[in-house]
Amino acid sequence: MSNQVIGGMGFHHIALKTKDLKKSVTMYEALGMKEIVRWGEGESEIVMLDIGDGGRIELFANGGDAFAVNGKWQHFAMCVEDVAQAYEVALRAGFLSKIAPKVVPLASKPHPISINIAFVIGPDGEEVEFFKEV
């Protein structure tokens, strides 16, 4: 379904400040993401990775442990073909388990659906969800 108000609107990227840019890039590349562009140096370095469908994650150096003043985000979700396989790949890459793969029936409207989900924790405490409607 296309946006009828703002033509061409779609997801482009989510940005994350990292404590250790090199570690974060390595862990996300272990999930199959590919670096597409990098700019800046040292504490101003930024890396953009393609998650596989054209959507991107943008990783910023020098994130430290503090939260951004403009708010927090709860998690970001990536659709996958096999939730359990994505979860296992993430654990092998060094992500920590938050919620093992499970199917969740939803009393959604206009009709009920079930989703298969799993959550992992990244190197900066970010939550990553693997998601598939079943």
C-alpha atoms as a PDB file:
ATOM      1  CA  MET A   1       0.000   0.000   0.000  1.00  0.00           C
ATOM      2  CA  SER A   2       1.481   3.349  -0.936  1.00  0.00           C
ATOM      3  CA  ASN A   3       1.199   6.551   1.040  1.00  0.00           C
ATOM      4  CA  GLN A   4      -1.577   8.645  -0.496  1.00  0.00           C
ATOM      5  CA  VAL A   5      -0.526  11.871   1.252  1.00  0.00           C
ATOM      6  CA  ILE A   6       3.263  11.959   0.720  1.00  0.00           C
ATOM      7  CA  GLY A   7       4.242  10.145  -2.469  1.00  0.00           C
ATOM      8  CA  GLY A   8       7.244   7.845  -2.347  1.00  0.00           C
ATOM      9  CA  MET A   9       7.385   7.704   1.454  1.00  0.00           C
ATOM     10  CA  GLY A  10       8.942   4.556   2.871  1.00  0.00           C
ATOM     11  CA  PHE A  11      11.413   3.368   5.480  1.00  0.00           C
ATOM     12  CA  HIS A  12      15.006   4.464   4.878  1.00  0.00           C
ATOM     13  CA  HIS A  13      17.034   4.002   8.079  1.00  0.00           C
ATOM     14  CA  ILE A  14      17.213   3.983  11.836  1.00  0.00           C
ATOM     15  CA  ALA A  15      20.179   5.623  13.573  1.00  0.00           C
ATOM     16  CA  LEU A  16      22.008   4.339  16.626  1.00  0.00           C
ATOM     17  CA  LYS A  17      24.847   5.872  18.634  1.00  0.00           C
ATOM     18  CA  THR A  18      27.421   3.214  19.525  1.00  0.00           C
ATOM     19  CA  LYS A  19      29.991   2.874  22.300  1.00  0.00           C
ATOM     20  CA  ASP A  20      32.311   0.866  20.028  1.00  0.00           C
ATOM     21  CA  LEU A  21      31.632   1.491  16.336  1.00  0.00           C
ATOM     22  CA  LYS A  22      33.956  -1.252  15.091  1.00  0.00           C
ATOM     23  CA  LYS A  23      32.340  -3.868  17.361  1.00  0.00           C
ATOM     24  CA  SER A  24      28.827  -2.804  16.337  1.00  0.00           C
ATOM     25  CA  VAL A  25      29.660  -2.891  12.620  1.00  0.00           C
ATOM     26  CA  THR A  26      31.223  -6.350  13.003  1.00  0.00           C
ATOM     27  CA  MET A  27      28.203  -7.732  14.864  1.00  0.00           C
ATOM     28  CA  TYR A  28      25.644  -6.332  12.401  1.00  0.00           C
ATOM     29  CA  GLU A  29      27.720  -7.553   9.440  1.00  0.00           C
ATOM     30  CA  ALA A  30      27.599 -11.024  11.047  1.00  0.00           C
ATOM     31  CA  LEU A  31      23.816 -10.823  10.551  1.00  0.00           C
ATOM     32  CA  GLY A  32      24.449 -10.396   6.821  1.00  0.00           C
ATOM     33  CA  MET A  33      24.171  -6.614   6.656  1.00  0.00           C
ATOM     34  CA  LYS A  34      26.480  -4.894   4.177  1.00  0.00           C
ATOM     35  CA  GLU A  35      28.333  -1.611   4.593  1.00  0.00           C
ATOM     36  CA  ILE A  36      27.262   0.774   1.853  1.00  0.00           C
ATOM     37  CA  VAL A  37      28.829   4.062   2.923  1.00  0.00           C
ATOM     38  CA  ARG A  38      31.087   5.450   5.654  1.00  0.00           C
ATOM     39  CA  TRP A  39      32.082   9.027   6.441  1.00  0.00           C
ATOM     40  CA  GLY A  40      33.753  11.108   9.126  1.00  0.00           C
ATOM     41  CA  GLU A  41      36.671  10.124  11.318  1.00  0.00           C
ATOM     42  CA  GLY A  42      37.275   9.172  14.929  1.00  0.00           C
ATOM     43  CA  GLU A  43      34.482  10.343  17.221  1.00  0.00           C
ATOM     44  CA  SER A  44      32.586  11.730  14.194  1.00  0.00           C
ATOM     45  CA  GLU A  45      32.632   8.508  12.143  1.00  0.00           C
ATOM     46  CA  ILE A  46      29.345   7.169  10.767  1.00  0.00           C
ATOM     47  CA  VAL A  47      28.685   3.876   8.963  1.00  0.00           C
ATOM     48  CA  MET A  48      25.504   2.995   7.065  1.00  0.00           C
ATOM     49  CA  LEU A  49      24.634  -0.678   6.551  1.00  0.00           C
ATOM     50  CA  ASP A  50      21.983  -2.132   4.220  1.00  0.00           C
ATOM     51  CA  ILE A  51      19.866  -4.634   6.164  1.00  0.00           C
ATOM     52  CA  GLY A  52      19.055  -6.581   2.975  1.00  0.00           C
ATOM     53  CA  ASP A  53      15.966  -4.991   1.466  1.00  0.00           C
ATOM     54  CA  GLY A  54      17.203  -1.446   0.995  1.00  0.00           C
ATOM     55  CA  GLY A  55      16.363  -0.403   4.567  1.00  0.00           C
ATOM     56  CA  ARG A  56      19.393   0.740   6.508  1.00  0.00           C
ATOM     57  CA  ILE A  57      20.855   1.075   9.981  1.00  0.00           C
ATOM     58  CA  GLU A  58      23.136   4.055  10.532  1.00  0.00           C
ATOM     59  CA  LEU A  59      25.761   3.603  13.260  1.00  0.00           C
ATOM     60  CA  PHE A  60      27.406   6.626  14.890  1.00  0.00           C
ATOM     61  CA  ALA A  61      30.707   6.543  16.801  1.00  0.00           C
ATOM     62  CA  ASN A  62      31.106   8.108  20.245  1.00  0.00           C
ATOM     63  CA  GLY A  63      27.693   7.167  21.623  1.00  0.00           C
ATOM     64  CA  GLY A  64      28.830   6.451  25.160  1.00  0.00           C
ATOM     65  CA  ASP A  65      26.315   5.151  27.681  1.00  0.00           C
ATOM     66  CA  ALA A  66      23.990   8.170  27.836  1.00  0.00           C
ATOM     67  CA  PHE A  67      20.594   8.301  26.144  1.00  0.00           C
ATOM     68  CA  ALA A  68      19.960  10.958  23.530  1.00  0.00           C
ATOM     69  CA  VAL A  69      18.106  14.038  24.776  1.00  0.00           C
ATOM     70  CA  ASN A  70      15.564  13.615  21.967  1.00  0.00           C
ATOM     71  CA  GLY A  71      14.214  10.402  23.448  1.00  0.00           C
ATOM     72  CA  LYS A  72      14.654   6.670  23.404  1.00  0.00           C
ATOM     73  CA  TRP A  73      13.457   4.010  21.067  1.00  0.00           C
ATOM     74  CA  GLN A  74      12.210   0.669  22.307  1.00  0.00           C
ATOM     75  CA  HIS A  75      13.433  -1.636  19.533  1.00  0.00           C
ATOM     76  CA  PHE A  76      13.712  -2.009  15.819  1.00  0.00           C
ATOM     77  CA  ALA A  77      12.280  -4.980  14.001  1.00  0.00           C
ATOM     78  CA  MET A  78      13.457  -6.733  10.873  1.00  0.00           C
ATOM     79  CA  CYS A  79      11.239  -9.055   8.888  1.00  0.00           C
ATOM     80  CA  VAL A  80      12.912 -12.399   8.245  1.00  0.00           C
ATOM     81  CA  GLU A  81      12.009 -15.697   6.593  1.00  0.00           C
ATOM     82  CA  ASP A  82      13.150 -17.838   9.547  1.00  0.00           C
ATOM     83  CA  VAL A  83      12.976 -16.241  13.009  1.00  0.00           C
ATOM     84  CA  ALA A  84      14.792 -19.096  14.789  1.00  0.00           C
ATOM     85  CA  GLN A  85      17.658 -19.072  12.291  1.00  0.00           C
ATOM     86  CA  ALA A  86      18.056 -15.271  12.525  1.00  0.00           C
ATOM     87  CA  TYR A  87      18.053 -15.523  16.331  1.00  0.00           C
ATOM     88  CA  GLU A  88      20.768 -18.225  16.307  1.00  0.00           C
ATOM     89  CA  VAL A  89      22.937 -16.221  13.884  1.00  0.00           C
ATOM     90  CA  ALA A  90      22.628 -13.184  16.154  1.00  0.00           C
ATOM     91  CA  LEU A  91      23.623 -15.172  19.251  1.00  0.00           C
ATOM     92  CA  ARG A  92      26.684 -16.547  17.444  1.00  0.00           C
ATOM     93  CA  ALA A  93      27.603 -12.977  16.465  1.00  0.00           C
ATOM     94  CA  GLY A  94      27.621 -11.920  20.125  1.00  0.00           C
ATOM     95  CA  PHE A  95      24.123 -10.496  20.573  1.00  0.00           C
ATOM     96  CA  LEU A  96      22.484 -11.456  23.876  1.00  0.00           C
ATOM     97  CA  SER A  97      19.156 -13.247  24.125  1.00  0.00           C
ATOM     98  CA  LYS A  98      16.171 -11.298  25.381  1.00  0.00           C
ATOM     99  CA  ILE A  99      13.254 -13.416  24.107  1.00  0.00           C
ATOM    100  CA  ALA A 100      13.750 -16.760  22.373  1.00  0.00           C
ATOM    101  CA  PRO A 101      11.700 -17.407  19.223  1.00  0.00           C
ATOM    102  CA  LYS A 102       8.004 -17.853  19.900  1.00  0.00           C
ATOM    103  CA  VAL A 103       4.698 -17.633  18.096  1.00  0.00           C
ATOM    104  CA  VAL A 104       2.279 -15.086  19.536  1.00  0.00           C
ATOM    105  CA  PRO A 105      -1.400 -15.131  18.518  1.00  0.00           C
ATOM    106  CA  LEU A 106      -2.848 -11.622  18.439  1.00  0.00           C
ATOM    107  CA  ALA A 107      -6.487 -10.694  18.872  1.00  0.00           C
ATOM    108  CA  SER A 108      -5.966  -8.109  16.151  1.00  0.00           C
ATOM    109  CA  LYS A 109      -8.537  -6.343  13.992  1.00  0.00           C
ATOM    110  CA  PRO A 110      -9.930  -6.603  11.404  1.00  0.00           C
ATOM    111  CA  HIS A 111      -8.828 -10.242  11.763  1.00  0.00           C
ATOM    112  CA  PRO A 112      -6.644 -12.200  14.177  1.00  0.00           C
ATOM    113  CA  ILE A 113      -3.055 -12.900  13.157  1.00  0.00           C
ATOM    114  CA  SER A 114      -0.136 -14.758  14.675  1.00  0.00           C
ATOM    115  CA  ILE A 115       3.427 -13.538  14.652  1.00  0.00           C
ATOM    116  CA  ASN A 116       6.706 -15.379  15.140  1.00  0.00           C
ATOM    117  CA  ILE A 117       9.147 -13.157  17.028  1.00  0.00           C
ATOM    118  CA  ALA A 118      12.480 -13.201  18.835  1.00  0.00           C
ATOM    119  CA  PHE A 119      14.468 -10.407  20.513  1.00  0.00           C
ATOM    120  CA  VAL A 120      18.206  -9.957  21.015  1.00  0.00           C
ATOM    121  CA  ILE A 121      20.248  -7.227  22.697  1.00  0.00           C
ATOM    122  CA  GLY A 122      23.017  -5.524  20.718  1.00  0.00           C
ATOM    123  CA  PRO A 123      26.355  -4.183  21.910  1.00  0.00           C
ATOM    124  CA  ASP A 124      24.883  -0.829  22.987  1.00  0.00           C
ATOM    125  CA  GLY A 125      21.844  -2.255  24.744  1.00  0.00           C
ATOM    126  CA  GLU A 126      19.635  -1.819  21.684  1.00  0.00           C
ATOM    127  CA  GLU A 127      16.834  -4.315  21.217  1.00  0.00           C
ATOM    128  CA  VAL A 128      16.575  -6.004  17.833  1.00  0.00           C
ATOM    129  CA  GLU A 129      13.456  -7.971  16.930  1.00  0.00           C
ATOM    130  CA  PHE A 130      13.190 -10.658  14.242  1.00  0.00           C
ATOM    131  CA  PHE A 131       9.621 -10.736  12.983  1.00  0.00           C
ATOM    132  CA  LYS A 132       7.450 -12.873  10.704  1.00  0.00           C
ATOM    133  CA  GLU A 133       3.701 -12.951  10.340  1.00  0.00           C
ATOM    134  CA  VAL A 134       2.576 -16.597  10.262  1.00  0.00           C
END
